[in-house]
């Protein structure tokens, strides 16, 4: 006779289901095209709005370091050392 308190086999160990498999596959693929297109469209819209507001105020948007901070310099990314190789 089979007891109601004990099953025939031990319970199965938990494992990832279909949803987790689909999510893992989606994450492996990375951002989808429509997501990046929406982001770029939003950035373009914000840039145009900022340019429009600056023009209305009689200013222009600063796009370069020279325009944002006149006289500022940046450290060089690569330089030649005594050995002649990149530092």
C-alpha atoms as a PDB file:
ATOM      1  CA  UNK A   1       0.000   0.000   0.000  1.00  0.00           C
ATOM      2  CA  UNK A   2       1.303   3.491  -0.900  1.00  0.00           C
ATOM      3  CA  UNK A   3       1.441   6.021   1.887  1.00  0.00           C
ATOM      4  CA  UNK A   4      -0.039   9.505   1.286  1.00  0.00           C
ATOM      5  CA  UNK A   5       2.845  11.156   3.126  1.00  0.00           C
ATOM      6  CA  UNK A   6       5.629   9.720   0.954  1.00  0.00           C
ATOM      7  CA  UNK A   7       5.790   9.668  -2.800  1.00  0.00           C
ATOM      8  CA  UNK A   8       7.372   7.000  -4.918  1.00  0.00           C
ATOM      9  CA  UNK A   9      10.296   9.141  -6.111  1.00  0.00           C
ATOM     10  CA  UNK A  10      12.169  12.024  -4.493  1.00  0.00           C
ATOM     11  CA  UNK A  11      11.067  15.455  -5.681  1.00  0.00           C
ATOM     12  CA  UNK A  12      12.855  16.730  -8.761  1.00  0.00           C
ATOM     13  CA  UNK A  13      15.493  19.416  -8.290  1.00  0.00           C
ATOM     14  CA  UNK A  14      14.367  22.881  -9.418  1.00  0.00           C
ATOM     15  CA  UNK A  15      15.572  23.871 -12.864  1.00  0.00           C
ATOM     16  CA  UNK A  16      15.115  26.768 -15.252  1.00  0.00           C
ATOM     17  CA  UNK A  17      11.855  26.707 -17.112  1.00  0.00           C
ATOM     18  CA  UNK A  18      10.886  27.862 -20.576  1.00  0.00           C
ATOM     19  CA  UNK A  19      10.620  31.496 -19.481  1.00  0.00           C
ATOM     20  CA  UNK A  20      14.177  31.565 -18.122  1.00  0.00           C
ATOM     21  CA  UNK A  21      15.484  29.925 -21.308  1.00  0.00           C
ATOM     22  CA  UNK A  22      13.723  32.544 -23.451  1.00  0.00           C
ATOM     23  CA  UNK A  23      15.010  35.386 -21.256  1.00  0.00           C
ATOM     24  CA  UNK A  24      18.587  34.054 -21.399  1.00  0.00           C
ATOM     25  CA  UNK A  25      18.370  33.822 -25.207  1.00  0.00           C
ATOM     26  CA  UNK A  26      16.968  37.363 -25.443  1.00  0.00           C
ATOM     27  CA  UNK A  27      19.739  38.734 -23.218  1.00  0.00           C
ATOM     28  CA  UNK A  28      22.366  36.960 -25.322  1.00  0.00           C
ATOM     29  CA  UNK A  29      21.057  38.683 -28.458  1.00  0.00           C
ATOM     30  CA  UNK A  30      21.396  42.148 -26.898  1.00  0.00           C
ATOM     31  CA  UNK A  31      19.325  45.251 -27.618  1.00  0.00           C
ATOM     32  CA  UNK A  32      16.911  44.899 -30.485  1.00  0.00           C
ATOM     33  CA  UNK A  33      16.871  47.294 -33.394  1.00  0.00           C
ATOM     34  CA  UNK A  34      13.613  49.014 -32.444  1.00  0.00           C
ATOM     35  CA  UNK A  35      14.962  49.764 -28.935  1.00  0.00           C
ATOM     36  CA  UNK A  36      18.081  51.484 -30.267  1.00  0.00           C
ATOM     37  CA  UNK A  37      16.071  53.322 -32.920  1.00  0.00           C
ATOM     38  CA  UNK A  38      13.752  54.697 -30.227  1.00  0.00           C
ATOM     39  CA  UNK A  39      16.748  55.837 -28.171  1.00  0.00           C
ATOM     40  CA  UNK A  40      18.410  57.579 -31.130  1.00  0.00           C
ATOM     41  CA  UNK A  41      15.130  59.239 -32.077  1.00  0.00           C
ATOM     42  CA  UNK A  42      14.764  60.553 -28.506  1.00  0.00           C
ATOM     43  CA  UNK A  43      18.341  61.899 -28.469  1.00  0.00           C
ATOM     44  CA  UNK A  44      17.844  63.639 -31.833  1.00  0.00           C
ATOM     45  CA  UNK A  45      14.628  65.190 -30.550  1.00  0.00           C
ATOM     46  CA  UNK A  46      16.359  66.460 -27.394  1.00  0.00           C
ATOM     47  CA  UNK A  47      19.267  67.900 -29.399  1.00  0.00           C
ATOM     48  CA  UNK A  48      16.904  69.711 -31.767  1.00  0.00           C
ATOM     49  CA  UNK A  49      14.886  71.054 -28.840  1.00  0.00           C
ATOM     50  CA  UNK A  50      18.056  72.295 -27.122  1.00  0.00           C
ATOM     51  CA  UNK A  51      19.281  73.946 -30.325  1.00  0.00           C
ATOM     52  CA  UNK A  52      15.909  75.607 -30.823  1.00  0.00           C
ATOM     53  CA  UNK A  53      15.876  76.942 -27.248  1.00  0.00           C
ATOM     54  CA  UNK A  54      19.459  78.211 -27.538  1.00  0.00           C
ATOM     55  CA  UNK A  55      18.693  79.979 -30.817  1.00  0.00           C
ATOM     56  CA  UNK A  56      15.595  81.581 -29.291  1.00  0.00           C
ATOM     57  CA  UNK A  57      17.757  82.896 -26.433  1.00  0.00           C
ATOM     58  CA  UNK A  58      20.310  84.249 -28.920  1.00  0.00           C
ATOM     59  CA  UNK A  59      22.925  81.611 -28.173  1.00  0.00           C
ATOM     60  CA  UNK A  60      24.317  78.595 -29.976  1.00  0.00           C
ATOM     61  CA  UNK A  61      24.834  75.166 -28.473  1.00  0.00           C
ATOM     62  CA  UNK A  62      28.479  74.522 -27.616  1.00  0.00           C
ATOM     63  CA  UNK A  63      29.662  71.401 -29.414  1.00  0.00           C
ATOM     64  CA  UNK A  64      33.420  71.370 -28.899  1.00  0.00           C
ATOM     65  CA  UNK A  65      35.760  71.628 -25.920  1.00  0.00           C
ATOM     66  CA  UNK A  66      37.161  74.865 -27.340  1.00  0.00           C
ATOM     67  CA  UNK A  67      33.665  76.388 -27.353  1.00  0.00           C
ATOM     68  CA  UNK A  68      32.771  75.041 -23.903  1.00  0.00           C
ATOM     69  CA  UNK A  69      36.028  75.923 -22.146  1.00  0.00           C
ATOM     70  CA  UNK A  70      38.228  78.326 -24.123  1.00  0.00           C
ATOM     71  CA  UNK A  71      41.919  77.762 -23.410  1.00  0.00           C
ATOM     72  CA  UNK A  72      41.408  74.314 -21.888  1.00  0.00           C
ATOM     73  CA  UNK A  73      43.733  71.546 -22.978  1.00  0.00           C
ATOM     74  CA  UNK A  74      43.499  67.797 -22.641  1.00  0.00           C
ATOM     75  CA  UNK A  75      46.252  65.322 -21.905  1.00  0.00           C
ATOM     76  CA  UNK A  76      47.421  63.376 -24.958  1.00  0.00           C
ATOM     77  CA  UNK A  77      46.120  59.836 -25.103  1.00  0.00           C
ATOM     78  CA  UNK A  78      49.341  58.377 -26.523  1.00  0.00           C
ATOM     79  CA  UNK A  79      52.863  59.626 -26.226  1.00  0.00           C
ATOM     80  CA  UNK A  80      56.296  58.425 -27.213  1.00  0.00           C
ATOM     81  CA  UNK A  81      58.574  57.383 -24.380  1.00  0.00           C
ATOM     82  CA  UNK A  82      62.346  57.127 -24.313  1.00  0.00           C
ATOM     83  CA  UNK A  83      62.177  53.635 -25.802  1.00  0.00           C
ATOM     84  CA  UNK A  84      60.224  54.911 -28.799  1.00  0.00           C
ATOM     85  CA  UNK A  85      57.139  52.847 -27.963  1.00  0.00           C
ATOM     86  CA  UNK A  86      53.731  54.027 -26.880  1.00  0.00           C
ATOM     87  CA  UNK A  87      53.372  54.956 -23.208  1.00  0.00           C
END
